[in-house]
């Protein structure tokens, strides 16, 4: 990317994934916004590092690298599924540090103050795999390869353990504009549940719903980016 962007968009991925989940975003979003996919430990270019089974510790580890990467440029956060709750926790930390995001976009995840606790990571291998497959975001080639599954399942379990163990802490509302994104047929997050993200901010709150399930954004990416950049006030070029 050339030139100076008006805004950085830090993108946090879903469980079991990596920064490559956002590999197509930059060319679609244009030059005014720089897309910065966040790579968590234990995958892709950081596969030699142990994955972190705690949302709060991940947010703590990400805070300073994110601020250093942003420098003086304004930034927003977008998080899908696990990335949504991580973005929310990170927004609290960044606010306390005096550098809140200009916008928080959360996707396909129940707001933590009403989320029903789960123990998905403790399911048997087959039950766990059935649950993940039900979310319809796993590449078929992975499901058909025992070798790939052997590599992926431990990482997925750690990521789900991070989500399962996260407990909401009452800290007052964020003073950050917030938009919740989701699919109208997501089996795990209904539209009325998504609407309740508005209760976690004192800033402007919005809701964007698209056709599809938990991974609606795979088929609706351009429409999602149109809505997101509209919220950021920097339309796609």
Protein backbone atom coordinates (compact mmCIF):
# COMPACT_ATOMS: atom_id res chain seq x y z
CA UNK A 1 0.00 0.00 0.00
CA UNK A 2 1.36 3.43 -0.96
CA UNK A 3 0.59 6.83 0.53
CA UNK A 4 -0.62 7.71 4.01
CA UNK A 5 -3.94 6.15 5.01
CA UNK A 6 -6.60 8.17 6.78
CA UNK A 7 -7.38 5.27 9.08
CA UNK A 8 -6.02 1.88 10.12
CA UNK A 9 -8.49 -0.99 10.40
CA UNK A 10 -7.22 -3.69 12.74
CA UNK A 11 -9.00 -6.97 11.94
CA UNK A 12 -9.19 -9.82 14.45
CA UNK A 13 -10.02 -13.28 13.20
CA UNK A 14 -12.32 -16.07 14.33
CA UNK A 15 -11.36 -19.21 16.26
CA UNK A 16 -8.97 -21.56 14.48
CA UNK A 17 -8.18 -19.01 11.79
CA UNK A 18 -5.34 -16.57 11.17
CA UNK A 19 -4.66 -13.18 9.66
CA UNK A 20 -5.17 -14.60 6.17
CA UNK A 21 -8.91 -14.55 6.85
CA UNK A 22 -8.69 -10.89 5.82
CA UNK A 23 -6.37 -11.34 2.85
CA UNK A 24 -8.86 -9.92 0.32
CA UNK A 25 -9.96 -6.90 2.29
CA UNK A 26 -7.30 -4.39 1.29
CA UNK A 27 -7.86 -4.61 -2.46
CA UNK A 28 -11.61 -4.27 -1.95
CA UNK A 29 -11.55 -1.48 0.60
CA UNK A 30 -9.32 0.97 -1.27
CA UNK A 31 -6.33 3.09 -0.30
CA UNK A 32 -7.85 5.51 2.18
CA UNK A 33 -8.09 2.80 4.84
CA UNK A 34 -5.19 0.45 5.57
CA UNK A 35 -6.32 -3.02 6.57
CA UNK A 36 -4.09 -4.51 9.28
CA UNK A 37 -4.94 -8.18 9.93
CA UNK A 38 -3.88 -9.15 13.44
CA UNK A 39 -2.03 -12.46 13.70
CA UNK A 40 -2.57 -14.26 16.98
CA UNK A 41 0.04 -16.69 18.34
CA UNK A 42 -0.10 -20.36 17.39
CA UNK A 43 -1.01 -20.08 13.70
CA UNK A 44 0.34 -19.23 10.25
CA UNK A 45 3.43 -17.05 10.64
CA UNK A 46 3.34 -17.53 14.43
CA UNK A 47 2.71 -21.28 14.44
CA UNK A 48 5.78 -22.03 16.58
CA UNK A 49 4.36 -19.96 19.45
CA UNK A 50 1.88 -21.56 21.85
CA UNK A 51 -1.69 -20.40 21.37
CA UNK A 52 -3.08 -18.26 24.18
CA UNK A 53 -6.18 -19.67 25.94
CA UNK A 54 -7.27 -16.35 27.49
CA UNK A 55 -9.05 -13.41 25.86
CA UNK A 56 -7.82 -11.01 28.52
CA UNK A 57 -4.19 -12.08 28.17
CA UNK A 58 -4.46 -11.82 24.39
CA UNK A 59 -5.77 -8.28 24.73
CA UNK A 60 -2.97 -7.43 27.15
CA UNK A 61 -0.36 -8.80 24.73
CA UNK A 62 -1.85 -6.99 21.75
CA UNK A 63 -2.22 -3.55 23.29
CA UNK A 64 1.29 -2.19 22.91
CA UNK A 65 2.08 -3.72 19.48
CA UNK A 66 -1.19 -2.31 18.17
CA UNK A 67 -0.48 1.17 19.54
CA UNK A 68 3.04 1.09 18.12
CA UNK A 69 1.69 0.03 14.73
CA UNK A 70 -0.93 2.78 14.76
CA UNK A 71 1.46 5.56 15.73
CA UNK A 72 -0.50 8.78 15.43
CA UNK A 73 -2.97 7.45 12.87
CA UNK A 74 -6.60 6.96 13.95
CA UNK A 75 -7.70 3.34 14.00
CA UNK A 76 -10.80 1.18 14.19
CA UNK A 77 -11.30 -2.45 15.21
CA UNK A 78 -13.23 -5.18 13.42
CA UNK A 79 -13.58 -8.60 15.01
CA UNK A 80 -15.44 -11.65 13.76
CA UNK A 81 -16.71 -14.28 16.23
CA UNK A 82 -13.84 -14.81 18.71
CA UNK A 83 -12.32 -11.67 17.24
CA UNK A 84 -15.42 -9.73 18.34
CA UNK A 85 -15.03 -10.39 22.05
CA UNK A 86 -11.27 -9.85 21.75
CA UNK A 87 -11.89 -6.51 20.04
CA UNK A 88 -14.30 -5.54 22.80
CA UNK A 89 -11.81 -6.37 25.54
CA UNK A 90 -9.04 -4.62 23.66
CA UNK A 91 -11.22 -1.52 23.26
CA UNK A 92 -11.50 -1.23 27.05
CA UNK A 93 -7.74 -1.50 27.43
CA UNK A 94 -7.07 1.03 24.70
CA UNK A 95 -9.60 3.43 26.21
CA UNK A 96 -7.86 3.22 29.58
CA UNK A 97 -4.56 3.90 27.78
CA UNK A 98 -6.02 7.08 26.30
CA UNK A 99 -6.18 5.76 22.71
CA UNK A 100 -9.67 4.40 22.12
CA UNK A 101 -10.59 3.19 18.63
CA UNK A 102 -12.66 5.57 16.55
CA UNK A 103 -15.09 2.69 15.93
CA UNK A 104 -15.63 -0.85 17.21
CA UNK A 105 -17.24 -3.31 14.79
CA UNK A 106 -18.21 -6.69 16.24
CA UNK A 107 -19.42 -9.57 14.11
CA UNK A 108 -21.32 -12.83 14.74
CA UNK A 109 -20.89 -12.97 18.51
CA UNK A 110 -23.23 -12.47 21.44
CA UNK A 111 -22.45 -9.43 23.62
CA UNK A 112 -20.52 -10.67 26.65
CA UNK A 113 -22.86 -9.24 29.28
CA UNK A 114 -25.67 -11.59 28.14
CA UNK A 115 -23.73 -14.45 26.58
CA UNK A 116 -24.66 -17.84 28.03
CA UNK A 117 -21.50 -19.64 29.26
CA UNK A 118 -20.49 -22.67 27.21
CA UNK A 119 -18.01 -25.54 27.50
CA UNK A 120 -17.59 -26.29 23.83
CA UNK A 121 -13.83 -26.91 24.16
CA UNK A 122 -14.50 -29.84 26.52
CA UNK A 123 -16.61 -31.83 24.04
CA UNK A 124 -15.34 -35.10 22.62
CA UNK A 125 -13.47 -34.85 19.34
CA UNK A 126 -16.49 -35.90 17.29
CA UNK A 127 -18.92 -33.65 19.18
CA UNK A 128 -16.50 -30.76 18.94
CA UNK A 129 -15.98 -31.30 15.22
CA UNK A 130 -19.74 -31.56 14.65
CA UNK A 131 -20.20 -28.23 16.43
CA UNK A 132 -17.52 -26.53 14.34
CA UNK A 133 -18.88 -28.00 11.10
CA UNK A 134 -22.31 -26.68 12.06
CA UNK A 135 -20.94 -23.15 11.89
CA UNK A 136 -20.25 -23.75 8.16
CA UNK A 137 -16.93 -21.95 8.05
CA UNK A 138 -14.49 -24.86 7.82
CA UNK A 139 -12.86 -25.52 4.47
CA UNK A 140 -14.06 -28.95 3.18
CA UNK A 141 -10.50 -30.02 2.33
CA UNK A 142 -9.57 -29.73 6.01
CA UNK A 143 -12.50 -31.87 7.10
CA UNK A 144 -11.48 -34.56 4.65
CA UNK A 145 -7.83 -34.65 5.73
CA UNK A 146 -6.94 -36.44 8.98
CA UNK A 147 -3.51 -34.79 8.91
CA UNK A 148 -4.95 -31.26 8.66
CA UNK A 149 -7.58 -32.01 11.28
CA UNK A 150 -4.87 -33.25 13.63
CA UNK A 151 -3.17 -29.87 13.32
CA UNK A 152 -6.33 -27.75 13.45
CA UNK A 153 -8.33 -29.32 16.28
CA UNK A 154 -5.89 -28.47 19.12
CA UNK A 155 -5.78 -24.84 17.99
CA UNK A 156 -9.56 -24.69 17.74
CA UNK A 157 -9.87 -26.11 21.24
CA UNK A 158 -7.52 -23.47 22.65
CA UNK A 159 -9.45 -20.70 20.92
CA UNK A 160 -12.79 -22.03 22.12
CA UNK A 161 -11.33 -22.39 25.62
CA UNK A 162 -10.41 -18.70 25.48
CA UNK A 163 -14.01 -17.81 24.58
CA UNK A 164 -15.56 -20.27 27.04
CA UNK A 165 -13.48 -18.95 29.95
CA UNK A 166 -14.06 -15.25 29.27
CA UNK A 167 -16.19 -13.65 31.97
CA UNK A 168 -17.83 -10.28 31.57
CA UNK A 169 -16.59 -7.63 33.98
CA UNK A 170 -18.71 -4.57 34.75
CA UNK A 171 -16.58 -1.53 33.89
CA UNK A 172 -19.14 0.90 32.60
CA UNK A 173 -19.97 1.46 28.97
CA UNK A 174 -17.40 2.17 26.30
CA UNK A 175 -17.53 5.70 24.93
CA UNK A 176 -16.91 4.43 21.41
CA UNK A 177 -19.18 4.20 18.35
CA UNK A 178 -20.11 0.54 17.94
CA UNK A 179 -21.71 -1.45 15.13
CA UNK A 180 -22.79 -5.07 15.40
CA UNK A 181 -22.70 -7.15 12.20
CA UNK A 182 -24.27 -10.54 11.63
CA UNK A 183 -26.11 -13.01 9.45
CA UNK A 184 -29.86 -13.35 9.59
CA UNK A 185 -29.66 -17.14 9.95
CA UNK A 186 -26.66 -17.53 12.26
CA UNK A 187 -27.48 -20.58 14.41
CA UNK A 188 -25.60 -19.18 17.39
CA UNK A 189 -26.39 -15.46 17.38
CA UNK A 190 -29.87 -14.17 16.65
CA UNK A 191 -30.54 -10.64 15.45
CA UNK A 192 -32.24 -9.62 18.75
CA UNK A 193 -29.10 -10.77 20.58
CA UNK A 194 -26.85 -8.77 18.25
CA UNK A 195 -28.98 -5.70 18.95
CA UNK A 196 -27.96 -5.82 22.60
CA UNK A 197 -24.36 -4.86 21.81
CA UNK A 198 -25.78 -1.32 21.89
CA UNK A 199 -26.05 -1.67 25.68
CA UNK A 200 -22.24 -1.76 25.99
CA UNK A 201 -21.51 1.71 24.62
CA UNK A 202 -22.57 5.24 25.42
CA UNK A 203 -21.61 6.24 21.89
CA UNK A 204 -23.65 5.78 18.70
CA UNK A 205 -24.65 2.16 18.12
CA UNK A 206 -25.75 0.46 14.93
CA UNK A 207 -26.73 -2.93 13.56
CA UNK A 208 -26.00 -4.38 10.11
CA UNK A 209 -27.64 -7.69 9.17
CA UNK A 210 -26.92 -9.67 5.99
CA UNK A 211 -28.26 -12.84 4.43
CA UNK A 212 -26.38 -15.87 5.72
CA UNK A 213 -25.22 -17.75 8.76
CA UNK A 214 -22.23 -17.49 11.08
CA UNK A 215 -19.87 -16.88 8.17
CA UNK A 216 -22.22 -14.59 6.24
CA UNK A 217 -19.33 -12.28 5.37
CA UNK A 218 -17.71 -14.85 3.07
CA UNK A 219 -20.57 -14.46 0.57
CA UNK A 220 -21.50 -10.88 1.44
CA UNK A 221 -18.04 -9.33 1.69
CA UNK A 222 -18.49 -6.35 -0.62
CA UNK A 223 -21.81 -5.42 1.00
CA UNK A 224 -20.20 -5.81 4.44
CA UNK A 225 -17.32 -3.53 3.45
CA UNK A 226 -19.73 -0.97 2.03
CA UNK A 227 -21.58 -0.90 5.34
CA UNK A 228 -18.39 -0.86 7.41
CA UNK A 229 -16.66 1.91 5.49
CA UNK A 230 -19.90 3.88 5.58
CA UNK A 231 -19.86 3.66 9.37
CA UNK A 232 -16.22 4.78 9.35
CA UNK A 233 -17.07 7.76 7.15
CA UNK A 234 -14.55 6.70 4.48
CA UNK A 235 -16.46 5.02 1.63
CA UNK A 236 -14.75 2.45 -0.55
CA UNK A 237 -13.06 3.84 -3.64
